Amino acid sequence: MASAETILVTCIASIGKNTMLANTGSFNRQINGLMSNKQKYNPYFLLTESYHWSAKIKREAAAGTMQIVSKNEFSAIETFVP
């Protein structure tokens, strides 16, 4: 289960269509969840910034009939936050 304000990131086919859970919920393996440390990072800010790192994911995703980013590849992504 993921808590409210978890950012959901699609990592197969429609990479970059990110959203945020409004309530506690769950999701499948083709979606990664990013939970922020709310004392350090505002989850809504991270959601708006997700556009930038999603563009990077799309560029680096494995080519083929359908783009896909593995859980390990997703976990290795680095981004800047103020």
N, C-alpha and C. Protein backbone atom coordinates (compact mmCIF):
# COMPACT_ATOMS: atom_id res chain seq x y z
N MET A 1 0.84 -1.18 0.00
CA MET A 1 0.00 0.00 0.00
C MET A 1 0.88 1.24 0.00
N ALA A 2 0.45 2.22 -0.72
CA ALA A 2 1.15 3.49 -0.80
C ALA A 2 0.31 4.55 -0.09
N SER A 3 0.98 5.47 0.56
CA SER A 3 0.27 6.51 1.29
C SER A 3 -0.16 7.63 0.35
N ALA A 4 -1.08 8.46 0.83
CA ALA A 4 -1.50 9.64 0.07
C ALA A 4 -0.27 10.49 -0.23
N GLU A 5 -0.29 11.19 -1.34
CA GLU A 5 0.78 12.05 -1.82
C GLU A 5 1.99 11.28 -2.35
N THR A 6 1.82 9.99 -2.63
CA THR A 6 2.85 9.22 -3.33
C THR A 6 2.76 9.59 -4.80
N ILE A 7 3.89 9.91 -5.40
CA ILE A 7 3.92 10.23 -6.83
C ILE A 7 4.01 8.92 -7.60
N LEU A 8 3.11 8.73 -8.54
CA LEU A 8 3.09 7.53 -9.36
C LEU A 8 3.71 7.86 -10.71
N VAL A 9 4.68 7.03 -11.12
CA VAL A 9 5.42 7.26 -12.35
C VAL A 9 5.27 6.05 -13.26
N THR A 10 4.70 6.25 -14.44
CA THR A 10 4.58 5.15 -15.39
C THR A 10 5.94 4.84 -15.97
N CYS A 11 6.27 3.57 -16.04
CA CYS A 11 7.60 3.15 -16.51
C CYS A 11 7.52 2.17 -17.66
N ILE A 12 6.39 2.13 -18.32
CA ILE A 12 6.24 1.29 -19.51
C ILE A 12 5.24 1.96 -20.44
N ALA A 13 5.55 1.95 -21.71
CA ALA A 13 4.70 2.49 -22.78
C ALA A 13 4.49 4.00 -22.66
N SER A 14 3.60 4.46 -21.82
CA SER A 14 3.29 5.89 -21.71
C SER A 14 4.14 6.55 -20.63
N ILE A 15 5.46 6.42 -20.74
CA ILE A 15 6.39 6.96 -19.75
C ILE A 15 6.19 8.47 -19.65
N GLY A 16 6.14 8.95 -18.43
CA GLY A 16 6.03 10.39 -18.20
C GLY A 16 4.64 10.87 -17.85
N LYS A 17 3.68 9.98 -17.82
CA LYS A 17 2.33 10.36 -17.42
C LYS A 17 2.23 10.11 -15.91
N ASN A 18 2.68 11.08 -15.16
CA ASN A 18 2.78 10.95 -13.71
C ASN A 18 1.58 11.60 -13.03
N THR A 19 1.30 11.11 -11.83
CA THR A 19 0.21 11.66 -11.04
C THR A 19 0.52 11.45 -9.56
N MET A 20 -0.39 11.87 -8.71
CA MET A 20 -0.19 11.71 -7.26
C MET A 20 -1.44 11.10 -6.65
N LEU A 21 -1.22 10.17 -5.74
CA LEU A 21 -2.35 9.57 -5.02
C LEU A 21 -2.98 10.60 -4.08
N ALA A 22 -4.29 10.71 -4.13
CA ALA A 22 -5.00 11.59 -3.20
C ALA A 22 -5.26 10.88 -1.88
N ASN A 23 -5.37 9.56 -1.93
CA ASN A 23 -5.65 8.73 -0.77
C ASN A 23 -4.69 7.55 -0.77
N THR A 24 -4.69 6.79 0.31
CA THR A 24 -3.91 5.56 0.36
C THR A 24 -4.40 4.65 -0.77
N GLY A 25 -3.46 3.99 -1.45
CA GLY A 25 -3.86 3.13 -2.56
C GLY A 25 -2.75 2.17 -2.95
N SER A 26 -2.98 1.46 -4.02
CA SER A 26 -1.98 0.52 -4.52
C SER A 26 -1.89 0.68 -6.03
N PHE A 27 -0.85 0.08 -6.61
CA PHE A 27 -0.63 0.18 -8.04
C PHE A 27 0.13 -1.05 -8.49
N ASN A 28 0.20 -1.27 -9.81
CA ASN A 28 0.83 -2.48 -10.32
C ASN A 28 2.32 -2.29 -10.56
N ARG A 29 2.99 -3.34 -11.03
CA ARG A 29 4.45 -3.34 -11.23
C ARG A 29 4.92 -2.40 -12.32
N GLN A 30 4.06 -1.99 -13.20
CA GLN A 30 4.46 -1.13 -14.30
C GLN A 30 4.47 0.34 -13.91
N ILE A 31 4.16 0.59 -12.67
CA ILE A 31 4.16 1.96 -12.14
C ILE A 31 5.05 1.97 -10.90
N ASN A 32 5.92 2.96 -10.83
CA ASN A 32 6.76 3.12 -9.64
C ASN A 32 6.20 4.22 -8.77
N GLY A 33 6.34 4.07 -7.47
CA GLY A 33 5.87 5.07 -6.52
C GLY A 33 7.04 5.77 -5.87
N LEU A 34 6.95 7.08 -5.79
CA LEU A 34 7.99 7.89 -5.15
C LEU A 34 7.37 8.59 -3.95
N MET A 35 7.84 8.23 -2.76
CA MET A 35 7.34 8.84 -1.53
C MET A 35 8.41 9.78 -1.01
N SER A 36 8.06 11.04 -0.83
CA SER A 36 9.05 12.02 -0.39
C SER A 36 9.08 12.12 1.13
N ASN A 37 10.21 12.57 1.62
CA ASN A 37 10.32 12.93 3.02
C ASN A 37 9.64 14.29 3.14
N LYS A 38 8.40 14.31 3.62
CA LYS A 38 7.59 15.52 3.62
C LYS A 38 8.17 16.64 4.48
N GLN A 39 9.06 16.31 5.40
CA GLN A 39 9.70 17.35 6.20
C GLN A 39 10.78 18.07 5.41
N LYS A 40 11.28 17.43 4.34
CA LYS A 40 12.32 18.04 3.52
C LYS A 40 11.81 18.51 2.17
N TYR A 41 10.91 17.72 1.54
CA TYR A 41 10.49 17.98 0.17
C TYR A 41 8.98 17.98 0.05
N ASN A 42 8.45 19.00 -0.56
CA ASN A 42 7.02 19.10 -0.79
C ASN A 42 6.64 18.16 -1.94
N PRO A 43 5.74 17.19 -1.71
CA PRO A 43 5.41 16.24 -2.75
C PRO A 43 4.81 16.89 -4.00
N TYR A 44 4.06 17.97 -3.84
CA TYR A 44 3.49 18.65 -5.01
C TYR A 44 4.58 19.30 -5.86
N PHE A 45 5.61 19.83 -5.20
CA PHE A 45 6.74 20.38 -5.94
C PHE A 45 7.44 19.27 -6.72
N LEU A 46 7.67 18.12 -6.08
CA LEU A 46 8.32 17.00 -6.76
C LEU A 46 7.50 16.52 -7.94
N LEU A 47 6.17 16.55 -7.81
CA LEU A 47 5.32 16.15 -8.93
C LEU A 47 5.53 17.09 -10.11
N THR A 48 5.60 18.39 -9.85
CA THR A 48 5.82 19.33 -10.96
C THR A 48 7.21 19.14 -11.57
N GLU A 49 8.18 18.79 -10.75
CA GLU A 49 9.53 18.54 -11.25
C GLU A 49 9.64 17.21 -11.98
N SER A 50 8.69 16.33 -11.78
CA SER A 50 8.76 15.00 -12.40
C SER A 50 8.78 15.09 -13.92
N TYR A 51 8.29 16.18 -14.47
CA TYR A 51 8.36 16.37 -15.93
C TYR A 51 9.80 16.27 -16.41
N HIS A 52 10.72 16.87 -15.67
CA HIS A 52 12.12 16.91 -16.08
C HIS A 52 12.77 15.53 -16.01
N TRP A 53 12.57 14.81 -14.91
CA TRP A 53 13.22 13.51 -14.85
C TRP A 53 12.48 12.48 -15.67
N SER A 54 11.21 12.69 -15.97
CA SER A 54 10.51 11.77 -16.87
C SER A 54 11.04 11.90 -18.29
N ALA A 55 11.41 13.11 -18.68
CA ALA A 55 12.01 13.31 -20.00
C ALA A 55 13.32 12.52 -20.10
N LYS A 56 14.09 12.51 -19.03
CA LYS A 56 15.34 11.75 -18.99
C LYS A 56 15.05 10.25 -19.08
N ILE A 57 14.04 9.80 -18.35
CA ILE A 57 13.66 8.39 -18.39
C ILE A 57 13.29 7.98 -19.82
N LYS A 58 12.50 8.82 -20.49
CA LYS A 58 12.08 8.50 -21.85
C LYS A 58 13.27 8.37 -22.79
N ARG A 59 14.25 9.26 -22.64
CA ARG A 59 15.43 9.21 -23.50
C ARG A 59 16.24 7.94 -23.26
N GLU A 60 16.30 7.49 -22.01
CA GLU A 60 17.16 6.37 -21.65
C GLU A 60 16.44 5.02 -21.64
N ALA A 61 15.13 5.03 -21.83
CA ALA A 61 14.35 3.78 -21.79
C ALA A 61 14.77 2.86 -22.92
N ALA A 62 14.73 1.59 -22.62
CA ALA A 62 15.08 0.58 -23.62
C ALA A 62 14.18 0.73 -24.84
N ALA A 63 14.79 0.72 -26.00
CA ALA A 63 14.02 0.83 -27.24
C ALA A 63 13.46 -0.53 -27.61
N GLY A 64 12.41 -0.53 -28.33
CA GLY A 64 11.78 -1.76 -28.78
C GLY A 64 10.36 -1.44 -29.18
N THR A 65 9.52 -2.44 -29.17
CA THR A 65 8.13 -2.19 -29.52
C THR A 65 7.44 -1.35 -28.45
N MET A 66 7.96 -1.43 -27.22
CA MET A 66 7.39 -0.66 -26.12
C MET A 66 8.53 -0.23 -25.19
N GLN A 67 8.61 1.08 -24.91
CA GLN A 67 9.65 1.55 -23.99
C GLN A 67 9.34 1.06 -22.59
N ILE A 68 10.41 0.71 -21.85
CA ILE A 68 10.24 0.24 -20.48
C ILE A 68 11.45 0.66 -19.65
N VAL A 69 11.21 0.98 -18.40
CA VAL A 69 12.25 1.33 -17.44
C VAL A 69 12.11 0.36 -16.26
N SER A 70 13.19 -0.34 -15.95
CA SER A 70 13.14 -1.31 -14.85
C SER A 70 13.15 -0.60 -13.50
N LYS A 71 12.79 -1.32 -12.48
CA LYS A 71 12.79 -0.77 -11.11
C LYS A 71 14.21 -0.32 -10.73
N ASN A 72 15.23 -1.09 -11.11
CA ASN A 72 16.62 -0.70 -10.80
C ASN A 72 17.02 0.57 -11.52
N GLU A 73 16.65 0.69 -12.80
CA GLU A 73 16.95 1.90 -13.56
C GLU A 73 16.26 3.11 -12.94
N PHE A 74 15.00 2.92 -12.55
CA PHE A 74 14.24 4.01 -11.94
C PHE A 74 14.88 4.44 -10.62
N SER A 75 15.31 3.48 -9.83
CA SER A 75 15.92 3.77 -8.53
C SER A 75 17.23 4.51 -8.65
N ALA A 76 17.91 4.38 -9.80
CA ALA A 76 19.20 5.01 -9.99
C ALA A 76 19.10 6.45 -10.51
N ILE A 77 17.91 6.92 -10.81
CA ILE A 77 17.75 8.27 -11.34
C ILE A 77 18.08 9.31 -10.27
N GLU A 78 18.84 10.30 -10.67
CA GLU A 78 19.17 11.41 -9.78
C GLU A 78 18.57 12.68 -10.33
N THR A 79 18.14 13.55 -9.45
CA THR A 79 17.58 14.84 -9.86
C THR A 79 17.97 15.88 -8.84
N PHE A 80 17.87 17.13 -9.22
CA PHE A 80 18.20 18.23 -8.32
C PHE A 80 16.93 18.79 -7.69
N VAL A 81 16.99 19.08 -6.41
CA VAL A 81 15.90 19.77 -5.73
C VAL A 81 16.51 20.88 -4.90
N PRO A 82 15.82 22.01 -4.82
CA PRO A 82 16.37 23.14 -4.04
C PRO A 82 16.28 22.87 -2.54
